[in-house]
Each structure stands twice: as structure tokens, then as C-alpha cells.
């Protein structure tokens, strides 16, 4: 059974950093699956932030986070990370990781309905 567990959220001041982790189990995802990070702010729709897929580790970033966020994975630990730097108040929200069979990563990351498995989410609050 596929499971995703996020961790690493918290309260941080603007300009600060956090690293989110998504621990996965129940499937061999290295080359056949994509992992995505999505976020949902209060009153807004869930949006794709960054995704990674394939044995080559193709990545995609939303324009709003390019240059500030970095997605990476540790195959040995079956864990995907989202390093978030230069955080802004508008980055506040619940961050979810998701998994599904790998496809065109840009299209996948822009379509939350494309993903079949989700974690429970971790809260990120950027505030002074």
C-alpha cells in the first residue's frame, strides 16, 4: 500500500528557510513514479509547487518559487525533499506531497487531479 508522510513544516520569519520531507513506502518509485509538492493556502485552490520524476530526476518548478525552492530525492531513503529558501508570507499554506505514475512532469505538476496518492500535509507559516 502506497503511503506518503510529510514533515518539516513550521513557523518561520520572512526570508527564512525550511526543508520539507516526504517519506514514501509501499512502492518502488525511482523510475516509474513522479513525486510532487503542492500547497494550499486558506481560501485558495491547491497548486503545484515542484515535482520530480524519472530515473534522470526531471524537475519542474512553479514560477512563483523558481530560484528559491529546490526539490531533491534520496533513493536509498525513499524520501523526497523540498528545500525552501527566502520564504515569503505568500508561501504560507499546507504543503502536501503526492505520487503517481510518471508522465510529462510539467503537465503533471500543473494538474492536481493527475495525482492518485496524497500525504496528510504539513503546515508552513511565514510570518513576522
Foldseek 3Di string as FASTA:
>chain_A
DKAWAKDWADEAAAQAKIKMKIQIDDDQFQAFKKKWKWWDDPPGDIATAKMFHGNVTDMDGDPVQPPFWDWDDDNVRNMIMIIGGRDDQVVWGWMKMFMDTDDDRVVPRGDVVNTDDIHPTDGHGHHD
